Amino acid sequence: MKKLILFSACIIIAAVSFAQSERYVNAMKTNISKLDSAMSNGKMAELANTFERIAEAEKTQWLPYYYASYCNVMQAFLVEDKSKSDVLANKAEELITKAEAVGKENSETYVIRSMIASAHMMVDPQARWQQYGTISATNLAKAKSLDPTNPRPVYLEGQAKFYTPESFGGGKAAAKELFVKALDMFNQFKPASELHPSWGKASTNYFLAQTN
């Protein structure tokens, strides 16, 4: 009888765990699918809050913190009032640190750290380039070393070259080589799961078109 009760309890626990896991996956898929539209309709802050709520509910998952950080850093780039950019970038850094604490440092978290540094730099490029430009480049190099197949660091390198004057080693021609390479990598890249990062290909195509 005791064995039967124990077995039944195990079945119930497994069923509850499966239901919770299924709810988590569905919630993540739903909100990941909103990333592009949120960027165009000004809903990134709202989406960031949603991912953060999922993260706080799950506790053991790093990806919700990652996406919350991504939303905040993208908002830091998009916001017209640049006095808010540092605040948003700092929030993104807080969230990516939580992602690394729950999971571990990886190529994708270093991509976000590079973006955070770039967001700080863009508040005042002339005054901040030396400090934050170096941090951004260092994080991209780390991202590439941790996963040489990840196309996002190469795409961001191309974006940096695109906005850098030719006299400083940038320009459309230099950027085009990186965008072509990134696009080829995107075509071959396989995310670890349907919830892992896959963004960047559309933006790569956009910038590549601008270089022609």
Foldseek 3Di string as FASTA:
>chain_A
DVVVVVVVVVVVVVVVVVVVVVVLVVLLLVLVVCVVVCLVPVNLQVSLVSLVVSCVVVVQALLSLLSSLVSLLSCLVVDPPVVCNLVSLVSSVVSLVSSCVNPHDALSSLQSQLSSLVSVCVSPVVVRCVPSVVSNVVSLVVSCVRPVLQLSSLLVVLVVLCPDDVVVVHHLVSSLVSLVVSLVSLVVDDAPDPSGDNDDNVVSVVSNVVSD
